[in-house]
């Protein structure tokens, strides 16, 4: 499989570097020792972790009160790290290359230093849904793996990531591609949530049946 820099743009398409497309490419703020272990139950601004990037969406822990936070007083000094709808997050260490599109649910949250935030200009040449889909596609993932393989702890620098080539179809086709794949990602998340809720219900029901609280007989 060819990587992103080996792909030939189809007629009418163009190629741009990620740096050319983004308003900014930045890592999250450094965590302090006193920040670690704090959760929403303690009060603070929620923090997106690398593990939360699943299926091109942000999926946090099931218990909302257990979401990690940055204390309010320090979070107020980190406004430039707040997430906005349409940002794209990418893991830069460990399991490098997992990405997620930021939706309205996570606006105002902060993000972990092992994540990279890609912020696009409002009227730029690429849409957020298309970019998230492109970054998760095989060619871009192979390009990223080629530049992180061989390291004890895989890591991708902002400088290297900025050079990633992005193929851009005409605006109408790009919007259609992004919308189609984003809709499928939303369906995947909905099915995952149904499966999670069903597993939880099954556990509660099994306990009730085994303890004689409920009867399986009609």
N, C-alpha and C. Protein backbone atom coordinates (compact mmCIF):
# COMPACT_ATOMS: atom_id res chain seq x y z
N UNK A 1 0.85 -1.21 0.00
CA UNK A 1 0.00 0.00 0.00
C UNK A 1 0.88 1.24 0.00
N UNK A 2 0.56 2.17 -0.93
CA UNK A 2 1.35 3.40 -1.00
C UNK A 2 1.01 4.34 0.15
N UNK A 3 2.01 5.10 0.59
CA UNK A 3 1.78 6.07 1.66
C UNK A 3 1.31 7.38 1.05
N UNK A 4 0.98 8.35 1.91
CA UNK A 4 0.37 9.59 1.45
C UNK A 4 1.26 10.36 0.47
N UNK A 5 2.59 10.30 0.63
CA UNK A 5 3.46 11.05 -0.27
C UNK A 5 3.69 10.33 -1.60
N UNK A 6 3.20 9.10 -1.71
CA UNK A 6 3.35 8.35 -2.96
C UNK A 6 2.09 8.38 -3.81
N UNK A 7 0.99 8.86 -3.26
CA UNK A 7 -0.26 8.90 -4.01
C UNK A 7 -0.23 10.01 -5.06
N UNK A 8 -0.75 9.70 -6.22
CA UNK A 8 -0.85 10.69 -7.30
C UNK A 8 -2.24 11.29 -7.27
N UNK A 9 -2.35 12.61 -7.14
CA UNK A 9 -3.68 13.22 -7.10
C UNK A 9 -4.47 12.95 -8.38
N UNK A 10 -5.72 12.53 -8.27
CA UNK A 10 -6.57 12.36 -9.46
C UNK A 10 -6.77 13.71 -10.15
N UNK A 11 -7.21 13.70 -11.40
CA UNK A 11 -7.49 14.97 -12.10
C UNK A 11 -8.45 15.85 -11.30
N UNK A 12 -8.09 17.11 -11.14
CA UNK A 12 -8.93 18.05 -10.42
C UNK A 12 -8.63 18.12 -8.93
N UNK A 13 -7.81 17.19 -8.45
CA UNK A 13 -7.41 17.20 -7.05
C UNK A 13 -6.09 17.95 -6.90
N UNK A 14 -5.75 18.31 -5.67
CA UNK A 14 -4.47 18.97 -5.40
C UNK A 14 -3.82 18.32 -4.18
N UNK A 15 -2.56 18.68 -3.95
CA UNK A 15 -1.83 18.17 -2.79
C UNK A 15 -1.29 19.35 -2.00
N UNK A 16 -1.56 19.35 -0.68
CA UNK A 16 -1.05 20.39 0.21
C UNK A 16 -0.47 19.74 1.44
N UNK A 17 0.50 20.40 2.08
CA UNK A 17 1.01 19.87 3.34
C UNK A 17 0.02 20.21 4.45
N UNK A 18 0.07 19.44 5.53
CA UNK A 18 -0.84 19.68 6.65
C UNK A 18 -0.63 21.08 7.22
N UNK A 19 0.63 21.53 7.25
CA UNK A 19 0.94 22.86 7.79
C UNK A 19 0.25 23.95 6.97
N UNK A 20 0.14 23.75 5.66
CA UNK A 20 -0.50 24.75 4.81
C UNK A 20 -2.00 24.84 5.06
N UNK A 21 -2.58 23.75 5.53
CA UNK A 21 -4.03 23.70 5.70
C UNK A 21 -4.50 24.17 7.06
N UNK A 22 -3.63 24.10 8.06
CA UNK A 22 -4.03 24.36 9.45
C UNK A 22 -3.74 25.79 9.87
N UNK A 23 -4.64 26.33 10.67
CA UNK A 23 -4.41 27.62 11.31
C UNK A 23 -3.34 27.46 12.38
N UNK A 24 -3.40 26.32 13.10
CA UNK A 24 -2.39 26.01 14.12
C UNK A 24 -2.31 24.50 14.33
N UNK A 25 -1.12 24.05 14.72
CA UNK A 25 -0.88 22.65 15.09
C UNK A 25 -0.18 22.70 16.44
N UNK A 26 -0.84 22.23 17.49
CA UNK A 26 -0.27 22.41 18.82
C UNK A 26 -0.51 21.20 19.71
N UNK A 27 0.40 21.00 20.67
CA UNK A 27 0.23 19.95 21.67
C UNK A 27 -0.46 20.52 22.89
N UNK A 28 -1.00 19.63 23.73
CA UNK A 28 -1.70 20.07 24.93
C UNK A 28 -0.75 20.59 26.00
N UNK A 29 -1.28 21.27 27.01
CA UNK A 29 -0.45 21.83 28.08
C UNK A 29 0.15 20.74 28.95
N UNK A 30 1.32 21.01 29.49
CA UNK A 30 2.00 20.07 30.38
C UNK A 30 1.18 19.87 31.65
N UNK A 31 1.03 18.62 32.06
CA UNK A 31 0.30 18.32 33.29
C UNK A 31 1.22 18.49 34.50
N UNK A 32 0.70 19.09 35.54
CA UNK A 32 1.44 19.21 36.79
C UNK A 32 1.10 18.02 37.69
N UNK A 33 2.00 17.73 38.60
CA UNK A 33 1.80 16.59 39.50
C UNK A 33 0.49 16.74 40.28
N UNK A 34 0.18 17.98 40.67
CA UNK A 34 -1.03 18.18 41.49
C UNK A 34 -2.31 18.04 40.66
N UNK A 35 -2.18 18.06 39.33
CA UNK A 35 -3.36 17.89 38.49
C UNK A 35 -3.79 16.42 38.40
N UNK A 36 -2.83 15.54 38.49
CA UNK A 36 -3.10 14.13 38.23
C UNK A 36 -3.96 13.52 39.34
N UNK A 37 -4.90 12.69 38.91
CA UNK A 37 -5.77 12.04 39.87
C UNK A 37 -7.04 12.81 40.17
N UNK A 38 -7.13 14.05 39.70
CA UNK A 38 -8.34 14.84 39.91
C UNK A 38 -9.41 14.44 38.89
N UNK A 39 -10.64 14.42 39.32
CA UNK A 39 -11.75 14.08 38.43
C UNK A 39 -12.82 15.14 38.52
N UNK A 40 -13.86 14.98 37.72
CA UNK A 40 -14.96 15.94 37.72
C UNK A 40 -15.59 16.09 39.09
N UNK A 41 -15.51 15.03 39.89
CA UNK A 41 -16.06 15.10 41.25
C UNK A 41 -15.33 16.16 42.08
N UNK A 42 -14.05 16.46 41.71
CA UNK A 42 -13.27 17.47 42.44
C UNK A 42 -13.48 18.87 41.87
N UNK A 43 -14.08 18.97 40.70
CA UNK A 43 -14.29 20.26 40.06
C UNK A 43 -13.12 20.64 39.17
N UNK A 44 -13.41 21.13 37.98
CA UNK A 44 -12.37 21.54 37.06
C UNK A 44 -12.81 21.39 35.62
N UNK A 45 -11.92 21.75 34.69
CA UNK A 45 -12.21 21.64 33.26
C UNK A 45 -11.83 20.25 32.78
N UNK A 46 -12.74 19.52 32.12
CA UNK A 46 -12.44 18.16 31.67
C UNK A 46 -11.27 18.10 30.70
N UNK A 47 -10.57 16.97 30.72
CA UNK A 47 -9.36 16.78 29.92
C UNK A 47 -9.54 15.55 29.03
N UNK A 48 -9.28 15.70 27.73
CA UNK A 48 -9.32 14.58 26.80
C UNK A 48 -7.97 13.86 26.83
N UNK A 49 -8.00 12.54 27.02
CA UNK A 49 -6.80 11.72 27.06
C UNK A 49 -6.63 10.98 25.73
N UNK A 50 -5.40 10.52 25.43
CA UNK A 50 -5.19 9.74 24.20
C UNK A 50 -6.10 8.53 24.09
N UNK A 51 -6.38 7.87 25.21
CA UNK A 51 -7.23 6.68 25.18
C UNK A 51 -8.66 6.99 24.77
N UNK A 52 -9.05 8.27 24.84
CA UNK A 52 -10.42 8.65 24.53
C UNK A 52 -10.69 8.76 23.03
N UNK A 53 -9.63 8.70 22.22
CA UNK A 53 -9.80 8.80 20.77
C UNK A 53 -10.11 7.42 20.21
N UNK A 54 -11.39 7.20 19.92
CA UNK A 54 -11.83 5.89 19.43
C UNK A 54 -12.85 6.07 18.32
N UNK A 55 -12.60 5.37 17.21
CA UNK A 55 -13.54 5.46 16.10
C UNK A 55 -13.70 6.85 15.55
N UNK A 56 -12.62 7.63 15.57
CA UNK A 56 -12.60 8.99 15.04
C UNK A 56 -13.53 9.94 15.80
N UNK A 57 -13.83 9.57 17.03
CA UNK A 57 -14.62 10.41 17.93
C UNK A 57 -13.97 10.38 19.31
N UNK A 58 -14.37 11.31 20.17
CA UNK A 58 -13.91 11.33 21.56
C UNK A 58 -14.91 10.53 22.38
N UNK A 59 -14.44 9.44 22.98
CA UNK A 59 -15.30 8.57 23.78
C UNK A 59 -14.67 8.47 25.17
N UNK A 60 -15.22 9.16 26.14
CA UNK A 60 -14.64 9.20 27.48
C UNK A 60 -15.18 8.04 28.32
N UNK A 61 -14.70 7.94 29.56
CA UNK A 61 -15.11 6.86 30.45
C UNK A 61 -16.61 6.91 30.68
N UNK A 62 -17.19 5.74 30.97
CA UNK A 62 -18.65 5.65 31.13
C UNK A 62 -19.15 6.46 32.32
N UNK A 63 -18.35 6.52 33.39
CA UNK A 63 -18.74 7.28 34.57
C UNK A 63 -18.28 8.73 34.39
N UNK A 64 -19.21 9.62 34.09
CA UNK A 64 -18.86 11.01 33.80
C UNK A 64 -18.11 11.67 34.95
N UNK A 65 -18.40 11.26 36.18
CA UNK A 65 -17.75 11.87 37.35
C UNK A 65 -16.27 11.49 37.42
N UNK A 66 -15.87 10.43 36.67
CA UNK A 66 -14.49 9.96 36.73
C UNK A 66 -13.60 10.59 35.65
N UNK A 67 -14.17 11.46 34.81
CA UNK A 67 -13.39 12.12 33.76
C UNK A 67 -12.33 13.01 34.42
N UNK A 68 -11.05 12.91 34.00
CA UNK A 68 -10.00 13.73 34.61
C UNK A 68 -10.19 15.21 34.29
N UNK A 69 -9.73 16.06 35.20
CA UNK A 69 -9.91 17.50 35.02
C UNK A 69 -8.63 18.25 35.37
N UNK A 70 -8.57 19.49 34.91
CA UNK A 70 -7.57 20.47 35.34
C UNK A 70 -8.29 21.43 36.28
N UNK A 71 -7.74 21.71 37.47
CA UNK A 71 -8.42 22.60 38.42
C UNK A 71 -8.81 23.94 37.79
N UNK A 72 -9.94 24.49 38.26
CA UNK A 72 -10.47 25.72 37.67
C UNK A 72 -9.43 26.84 37.62
N UNK A 73 -8.70 27.04 38.73
CA UNK A 73 -7.79 28.18 38.77
C UNK A 73 -6.70 28.08 37.72
N UNK A 74 -6.20 26.87 37.47
CA UNK A 74 -5.17 26.72 36.43
C UNK A 74 -5.78 26.66 35.04
N UNK A 75 -6.96 26.08 34.92
CA UNK A 75 -7.62 25.98 33.62
C UNK A 75 -7.88 27.36 33.03
N UNK A 76 -8.13 28.35 33.90
CA UNK A 76 -8.39 29.70 33.41
C UNK A 76 -7.19 30.29 32.69
N UNK A 77 -6.00 29.81 32.99
CA UNK A 77 -4.78 30.31 32.34
C UNK A 77 -4.46 29.53 31.06
N UNK A 78 -5.30 28.55 30.73
CA UNK A 78 -5.01 27.66 29.59
C UNK A 78 -6.06 27.80 28.49
N UNK A 79 -6.64 28.99 28.38
CA UNK A 79 -7.73 29.19 27.42
C UNK A 79 -7.30 28.86 25.99
N UNK A 80 -6.04 29.08 25.66
CA UNK A 80 -5.60 28.84 24.28
C UNK A 80 -5.57 27.34 23.95
N UNK A 81 -5.71 26.49 24.96
CA UNK A 81 -5.73 25.05 24.74
C UNK A 81 -7.15 24.48 24.73
N UNK A 82 -8.15 25.33 24.85
CA UNK A 82 -9.51 24.82 24.85
C UNK A 82 -9.90 24.32 23.45
N UNK A 83 -10.67 23.26 23.44
CA UNK A 83 -11.12 22.68 22.17
C UNK A 83 -12.32 23.44 21.62
N UNK A 84 -12.39 23.49 20.29
CA UNK A 84 -13.52 24.10 19.60
C UNK A 84 -14.11 23.08 18.64
N UNK A 85 -15.39 23.22 18.35
CA UNK A 85 -16.02 22.31 17.39
C UNK A 85 -15.31 22.43 16.05
N UNK A 86 -14.98 21.30 15.45
CA UNK A 86 -14.26 21.30 14.18
C UNK A 86 -12.76 21.12 14.32
N UNK A 87 -12.23 21.16 15.55
CA UNK A 87 -10.83 20.80 15.75
C UNK A 87 -10.66 19.30 15.47
N UNK A 88 -9.45 18.90 15.14
CA UNK A 88 -9.13 17.48 14.97
C UNK A 88 -7.99 17.15 15.92
N UNK A 89 -8.15 16.09 16.70
CA UNK A 89 -7.11 15.64 17.62
C UNK A 89 -6.42 14.41 17.06
N UNK A 90 -5.11 14.28 17.36
CA UNK A 90 -4.31 13.17 16.87
C UNK A 90 -3.35 12.74 17.96
N UNK A 91 -3.23 11.43 18.20
CA UNK A 91 -2.25 10.96 19.19
C UNK A 91 -0.85 11.07 18.60
N UNK A 92 0.10 11.54 19.40
CA UNK A 92 1.46 11.74 18.89
C UNK A 92 2.50 10.85 19.55
N UNK A 93 2.13 10.11 20.59
CA UNK A 93 3.05 9.16 21.20
C UNK A 93 2.29 7.86 21.48
N UNK A 94 3.06 6.78 21.70
CA UNK A 94 2.43 5.48 21.98
C UNK A 94 1.78 4.94 20.73
N UNK A 95 0.45 4.78 20.76
CA UNK A 95 -0.29 4.37 19.58
C UNK A 95 -0.51 5.61 18.73
N UNK A 96 0.49 5.92 17.93
CA UNK A 96 0.48 7.18 17.18
C UNK A 96 -0.50 7.11 16.01
N UNK A 97 -1.18 8.24 15.78
CA UNK A 97 -1.99 8.35 14.58
C UNK A 97 -3.49 8.21 14.77
N UNK A 98 -3.95 7.79 15.95
CA UNK A 98 -5.40 7.75 16.17
C UNK A 98 -5.93 9.18 16.18
N UNK A 99 -7.05 9.40 15.53
CA UNK A 99 -7.54 10.77 15.44
C UNK A 99 -9.02 10.83 15.78
N UNK A 100 -9.50 12.04 16.04
CA UNK A 100 -10.90 12.24 16.39
C UNK A 100 -11.32 13.64 15.99
N UNK A 101 -12.54 13.74 15.51
CA UNK A 101 -13.15 15.03 15.21
C UNK A 101 -13.82 15.55 16.47
N UNK A 102 -13.53 16.78 16.84
CA UNK A 102 -14.16 17.39 18.03
C UNK A 102 -15.54 17.90 17.66
N UNK A 103 -16.54 17.43 18.40
CA UNK A 103 -17.92 17.87 18.18
C UNK A 103 -18.35 18.80 19.32
N UNK A 104 -19.57 19.28 19.25
CA UNK A 104 -20.05 20.24 20.23
C UNK A 104 -20.01 19.76 21.66
N UNK A 105 -20.09 18.46 21.87
CA UNK A 105 -20.10 17.88 23.21
C UNK A 105 -18.85 18.21 24.01
N UNK A 106 -17.71 18.41 23.31
CA UNK A 106 -16.44 18.60 24.00
C UNK A 106 -15.84 19.99 23.82
N UNK A 107 -16.65 20.93 23.39
CA UNK A 107 -16.19 22.31 23.27
C UNK A 107 -15.80 22.84 24.65
N UNK A 108 -14.65 23.50 24.75
CA UNK A 108 -14.19 24.06 26.01
C UNK A 108 -13.35 23.11 26.84
N UNK A 109 -13.30 21.83 26.46
CA UNK A 109 -12.43 20.89 27.16
C UNK A 109 -10.97 21.19 26.83
N UNK A 110 -10.07 20.70 27.66
CA UNK A 110 -8.63 20.76 27.40
C UNK A 110 -8.17 19.41 26.87
N UNK A 111 -6.93 19.35 26.37
CA UNK A 111 -6.45 18.09 25.81
C UNK A 111 -5.04 17.77 26.32
N UNK A 112 -4.76 16.49 26.44
CA UNK A 112 -3.52 15.95 27.02
C UNK A 112 -2.30 16.34 26.18
N UNK A 113 -1.12 16.50 26.82
CA UNK A 113 0.09 16.85 26.07
C UNK A 113 0.54 15.80 25.05
N UNK A 114 0.05 14.58 25.16
CA UNK A 114 0.39 13.56 24.16
C UNK A 114 -0.57 13.56 22.98
N UNK A 115 -1.37 14.61 22.90
CA UNK A 115 -2.27 14.80 21.76
C UNK A 115 -1.86 16.06 21.00
N UNK A 116 -2.15 16.06 19.71
CA UNK A 116 -1.94 17.23 18.86
C UNK A 116 -3.31 17.74 18.42
N UNK A 117 -3.50 19.04 18.54
CA UNK A 117 -4.75 19.66 18.07
C UNK A 117 -4.48 20.34 16.73
N UNK A 118 -5.29 19.98 15.73
CA UNK A 118 -5.23 20.62 14.43
C UNK A 118 -6.42 21.57 14.34
N UNK A 119 -6.14 22.85 14.20
CA UNK A 119 -7.23 23.83 14.10
C UNK A 119 -7.21 24.42 12.69
N UNK A 120 -8.38 24.41 12.06
CA UNK A 120 -8.49 24.85 10.68
C UNK A 120 -9.08 26.25 10.60
N UNK A 121 -8.69 27.03 9.60
CA UNK A 121 -9.33 28.34 9.41
C UNK A 121 -10.78 28.16 9.00
N UNK A 122 -11.63 29.12 9.31
CA UNK A 122 -13.06 28.99 9.05
C UNK A 122 -13.37 28.80 7.57
N UNK A 123 -12.66 29.50 6.72
CA UNK A 123 -12.93 29.40 5.28
C UNK A 123 -11.72 28.82 4.55
N UNK A 124 -11.10 27.80 5.16
CA UNK A 124 -9.91 27.21 4.57
C UNK A 124 -10.23 26.22 3.46
N UNK A 125 -9.18 25.67 2.85
CA UNK A 125 -9.38 24.76 1.71
C UNK A 125 -9.77 23.34 2.09
N UNK A 126 -9.79 23.01 3.38
CA UNK A 126 -10.15 21.65 3.80
C UNK A 126 -11.17 21.70 4.94
N UNK A 127 -12.13 20.78 4.91
CA UNK A 127 -13.12 20.68 5.97
C UNK A 127 -12.65 19.72 7.05
N UNK A 128 -13.13 19.93 8.27
CA UNK A 128 -12.68 19.12 9.41
C UNK A 128 -13.08 17.65 9.24
N UNK A 129 -14.29 17.39 8.77
CA UNK A 129 -14.74 16.00 8.62
C UNK A 129 -13.90 15.27 7.59
N UNK A 130 -13.57 15.97 6.50
CA UNK A 130 -12.72 15.34 5.47
C UNK A 130 -11.32 15.09 6.02
N UNK A 131 -10.76 16.06 6.75
CA UNK A 131 -9.41 15.90 7.26
C UNK A 131 -9.33 14.74 8.25
N UNK A 132 -10.31 14.62 9.14
CA UNK A 132 -10.32 13.50 10.09
C UNK A 132 -10.39 12.17 9.35
N UNK A 133 -11.21 12.13 8.30
CA UNK A 133 -11.32 10.90 7.51
C UNK A 133 -10.01 10.61 6.78
N UNK A 134 -9.39 11.64 6.23
CA UNK A 134 -8.13 11.45 5.49
C UNK A 134 -7.02 10.95 6.42
N UNK A 135 -6.92 11.53 7.61
CA UNK A 135 -5.86 11.15 8.54
C UNK A 135 -6.00 9.71 9.03
N UNK A 136 -7.23 9.21 9.06
CA UNK A 136 -7.46 7.85 9.53
C UNK A 136 -7.38 6.82 8.40
N UNK A 137 -7.28 7.29 7.16
CA UNK A 137 -7.20 6.38 6.02
C UNK A 137 -5.83 5.71 5.95
N UNK A 138 -5.75 4.62 5.21
CA UNK A 138 -4.55 3.78 5.19
C UNK A 138 -3.30 4.53 4.74
N UNK A 139 -3.40 5.32 3.68
CA UNK A 139 -2.22 6.00 3.14
C UNK A 139 -1.59 6.94 4.16
N UNK A 140 -2.41 7.73 4.86
CA UNK A 140 -1.89 8.65 5.88
C UNK A 140 -1.35 7.88 7.07
N UNK A 141 -2.02 6.82 7.47
CA UNK A 141 -1.56 6.02 8.61
C UNK A 141 -0.23 5.35 8.30
N UNK A 142 -0.05 4.87 7.08
CA UNK A 142 1.23 4.27 6.69
C UNK A 142 2.33 5.32 6.71
N UNK A 143 2.02 6.52 6.25
CA UNK A 143 3.00 7.62 6.25
C UNK A 143 3.46 7.90 7.69
N UNK A 144 2.51 7.95 8.61
CA UNK A 144 2.83 8.20 10.01
C UNK A 144 3.65 7.06 10.59
N UNK A 145 3.25 5.82 10.32
CA UNK A 145 3.99 4.66 10.86
C UNK A 145 5.43 4.63 10.34
N UNK A 146 5.63 4.98 9.08
CA UNK A 146 6.98 4.99 8.51
C UNK A 146 7.89 5.96 9.25
N UNK A 147 7.32 6.99 9.84
CA UNK A 147 8.12 8.02 10.51
C UNK A 147 8.21 7.82 12.02
N UNK A 148 7.59 6.79 12.52
CA UNK A 148 7.66 6.51 13.96
C UNK A 148 8.17 5.10 14.26
N UNK A 149 8.34 4.27 13.23
CA UNK A 149 8.78 2.89 13.45
C UNK A 149 10.23 2.87 13.91
N UNK A 150 10.58 1.87 14.68
CA UNK A 150 11.95 1.71 15.16
C UNK A 150 12.23 2.39 16.48
N UNK A 151 11.31 3.23 16.96
CA UNK A 151 11.51 3.91 18.24
C UNK A 151 11.02 3.02 19.38
N UNK A 152 11.71 3.10 20.53
CA UNK A 152 11.26 2.35 21.70
C UNK A 152 9.85 2.78 22.08
N UNK A 153 9.64 4.09 22.15
CA UNK A 153 8.30 4.65 22.34
C UNK A 153 7.99 5.49 21.11
N UNK A 154 7.13 4.99 20.21
CA UNK A 154 6.82 5.75 19.00
C UNK A 154 6.36 7.17 19.33
N UNK A 155 6.89 8.12 18.60
CA UNK A 155 6.55 9.52 18.86
C UNK A 155 6.62 10.30 17.55
N UNK A 156 5.72 11.23 17.38
CA UNK A 156 5.65 12.04 16.17
C UNK A 156 5.75 13.51 16.55
N UNK A 157 6.74 14.19 16.01
CA UNK A 157 6.92 15.61 16.33
C UNK A 157 5.98 16.45 15.48
N UNK A 158 5.71 17.65 15.96
CA UNK A 158 4.86 18.57 15.21
C UNK A 158 5.52 18.92 13.88
N UNK A 159 6.82 19.07 13.88
CA UNK A 159 7.54 19.40 12.64
C UNK A 159 7.31 18.33 11.58
N UNK A 160 7.44 17.05 11.99
CA UNK A 160 7.23 15.95 11.05
C UNK A 160 5.78 15.89 10.60
N UNK A 161 4.86 15.99 11.55
CA UNK A 161 3.44 15.92 11.22
C UNK A 161 3.05 17.03 10.25
N UNK A 162 3.66 18.20 10.40
CA UNK A 162 3.33 19.34 9.54
C UNK A 162 3.62 19.06 8.07
N UNK A 163 4.53 18.12 7.82
CA UNK A 163 4.93 17.81 6.45
C UNK A 163 4.01 16.79 5.78
N UNK A 164 3.07 16.21 6.53
CA UNK A 164 2.21 15.17 5.96
C UNK A 164 1.44 15.72 4.76
N UNK A 165 1.56 15.07 3.59
CA UNK A 165 0.83 15.54 2.41
C UNK A 165 -0.64 15.13 2.46
N UNK A 166 -1.50 16.05 2.11
CA UNK A 166 -2.95 15.81 2.12
C UNK A 166 -3.48 16.00 0.71
N UNK A 167 -4.19 14.99 0.20
CA UNK A 167 -4.82 15.10 -1.10
C UNK A 167 -6.19 15.75 -0.95
N UNK A 168 -6.45 16.77 -1.77
CA UNK A 168 -7.69 17.52 -1.66
C UNK A 168 -8.51 17.42 -2.94
N UNK A 169 -9.70 16.84 -2.86
CA UNK A 169 -10.61 16.86 -4.02
C UNK A 169 -11.25 18.23 -4.14
N UNK A 170 -11.98 18.49 -5.22
CA UNK A 170 -12.74 19.75 -5.32
C UNK A 170 -13.68 19.89 -4.12
N UNK A 171 -14.02 21.12 -3.78
CA UNK A 171 -14.76 21.42 -2.55
C UNK A 171 -16.04 20.60 -2.40
N UNK A 172 -16.83 20.49 -3.47
CA UNK A 172 -18.10 19.77 -3.36
C UNK A 172 -17.87 18.28 -3.08
N UNK A 173 -16.90 17.70 -3.76
CA UNK A 173 -16.61 16.28 -3.54
C UNK A 173 -16.02 16.06 -2.15
N UNK A 174 -15.17 16.99 -1.73
CA UNK A 174 -14.58 16.89 -0.39
C UNK A 174 -15.66 16.91 0.68
N UNK A 175 -16.63 17.82 0.54
CA UNK A 175 -17.71 17.92 1.51
C UNK A 175 -18.54 16.64 1.53
N UNK A 176 -18.78 16.07 0.35
CA UNK A 176 -19.57 14.84 0.27
C UNK A 176 -18.83 13.68 0.92
N UNK A 177 -17.53 13.57 0.68
CA UNK A 177 -16.73 12.50 1.28
C UNK A 177 -16.75 12.64 2.80
N UNK A 178 -16.47 13.86 3.28
CA UNK A 178 -16.44 14.09 4.72
C UNK A 178 -17.78 13.79 5.38
N UNK A 179 -18.88 14.25 4.77
CA UNK A 179 -20.20 14.04 5.35
C UNK A 179 -20.57 12.56 5.37
N UNK A 180 -20.25 11.84 4.29
CA UNK A 180 -20.58 10.42 4.21
C UNK A 180 -19.87 9.62 5.29
N UNK A 181 -18.56 9.84 5.42
CA UNK A 181 -17.79 9.07 6.39
C UNK A 181 -18.10 9.51 7.82
N UNK A 182 -18.37 10.80 8.03
CA UNK A 182 -18.73 11.27 9.38
C UNK A 182 -20.06 10.65 9.81
N UNK A 183 -21.00 10.53 8.87
CA UNK A 183 -22.29 9.92 9.21
C UNK A 183 -22.11 8.45 9.61
N UNK A 184 -21.22 7.75 8.91
CA UNK A 184 -20.94 6.36 9.26
C UNK A 184 -20.29 6.26 10.64
N UNK A 185 -19.37 7.19 10.93
CA UNK A 185 -18.73 7.20 12.25
C UNK A 185 -19.75 7.44 13.35
N UNK A 186 -20.71 8.33 13.10
CA UNK A 186 -21.76 8.58 14.09
C UNK A 186 -22.59 7.31 14.32
N UNK A 187 -22.88 6.58 13.25
CA UNK A 187 -23.64 5.33 13.40
C UNK A 187 -22.86 4.30 14.19
N UNK A 188 -21.54 4.23 13.92
CA UNK A 188 -20.69 3.29 14.67
C UNK A 188 -20.74 3.61 16.15
N UNK A 189 -20.64 4.91 16.50
CA UNK A 189 -20.69 5.30 17.91
C UNK A 189 -22.04 4.99 18.53
N UNK A 190 -23.11 5.18 17.77
CA UNK A 190 -24.45 4.87 18.29
C UNK A 190 -24.57 3.37 18.57
N UNK A 191 -24.08 2.54 17.66
CA UNK A 191 -24.14 1.09 17.87
C UNK A 191 -23.26 0.66 19.05
N UNK A 192 -22.10 1.32 19.18
CA UNK A 192 -21.24 1.01 20.33
C UNK A 192 -21.91 1.35 21.64
N UNK A 193 -22.64 2.46 21.67
CA UNK A 193 -23.35 2.87 22.89
C UNK A 193 -24.47 1.88 23.20
N UNK A 194 -25.17 1.42 22.16
CA UNK A 194 -26.21 0.41 22.37
C UNK A 194 -25.61 -0.87 22.94
N UNK A 195 -24.46 -1.28 22.39
CA UNK A 195 -23.80 -2.49 22.88
C UNK A 195 -23.36 -2.32 24.33
N UNK A 196 -22.83 -1.12 24.68
CA UNK A 196 -22.39 -0.87 26.05
C UNK A 196 -23.56 -0.94 27.01
N UNK A 197 -24.67 -0.28 26.63
CA UNK A 197 -25.84 -0.27 27.50
C UNK A 197 -26.42 -1.68 27.65
N UNK A 198 -26.38 -2.45 26.57
CA UNK A 198 -26.91 -3.82 26.63
C UNK A 198 -26.05 -4.69 27.54
N UNK A 199 -24.73 -4.52 27.48
CA UNK A 199 -23.83 -5.27 28.38
C UNK A 199 -24.12 -4.94 29.83
N UNK A 200 -24.32 -3.64 30.11
CA UNK A 200 -24.60 -3.23 31.48
C UNK A 200 -25.93 -3.81 31.95
N UNK A 201 -26.94 -3.77 31.10
CA UNK A 201 -28.25 -4.33 31.45
C UNK A 201 -28.16 -5.82 31.69
N UNK A 202 -27.38 -6.51 30.86
CA UNK A 202 -27.22 -7.96 31.00
C UNK A 202 -26.62 -8.30 32.36
N UNK A 203 -25.62 -7.50 32.80
CA UNK A 203 -24.99 -7.74 34.09
C UNK A 203 -25.96 -7.58 35.24
N UNK A 204 -26.75 -6.48 35.19
CA UNK A 204 -27.74 -6.23 36.24
C UNK A 204 -28.81 -7.33 36.25
N UNK A 205 -29.27 -7.72 35.07
CA UNK A 205 -30.30 -8.75 34.97
C UNK A 205 -29.79 -10.10 35.47
N UNK A 206 -28.55 -10.43 35.11
CA UNK A 206 -27.98 -11.71 35.55
C UNK A 206 -27.91 -11.77 37.07
N UNK A 207 -27.47 -10.69 37.71
CA UNK A 207 -27.39 -10.67 39.17
C UNK A 207 -28.78 -10.85 39.79
N UNK A 208 -29.76 -10.15 39.22
CA UNK A 208 -31.11 -10.24 39.76
C UNK A 208 -31.68 -11.65 39.61
N UNK A 209 -31.42 -12.28 38.47
CA UNK A 209 -31.91 -13.65 38.24
C UNK A 209 -31.21 -14.66 39.15
N UNK A 210 -29.90 -14.51 39.29
CA UNK A 210 -29.14 -15.47 40.09
C UNK A 210 -29.41 -15.33 41.58
N UNK A 211 -29.84 -14.14 42.00
CA UNK A 211 -30.12 -13.92 43.43
C UNK A 211 -31.60 -14.14 43.76
N UNK A 212 -32.39 -14.52 42.78
CA UNK A 212 -33.79 -14.78 43.02
C UNK A 212 -34.65 -13.55 43.12
N UNK A 213 -34.06 -12.37 42.84
CA UNK A 213 -34.85 -11.12 42.89
C UNK A 213 -35.88 -11.12 41.77
N UNK A 214 -35.48 -11.63 40.61
CA UNK A 214 -36.39 -11.76 39.48
C UNK A 214 -36.49 -13.23 39.09
N UNK A 215 -37.58 -13.55 38.42
CA UNK A 215 -37.77 -14.91 37.92
C UNK A 215 -37.79 -14.90 36.42
N UNK A 216 -37.13 -15.88 35.81
CA UNK A 216 -37.12 -16.00 34.36
C UNK A 216 -38.38 -16.65 33.82
N UNK A 217 -39.19 -17.18 34.70
CA UNK A 217 -40.42 -17.83 34.25
C UNK A 217 -41.46 -16.79 33.88
N UNK A 218 -42.27 -17.06 32.86
CA UNK A 218 -43.31 -16.11 32.45
C UNK A 218 -44.39 -15.96 33.51
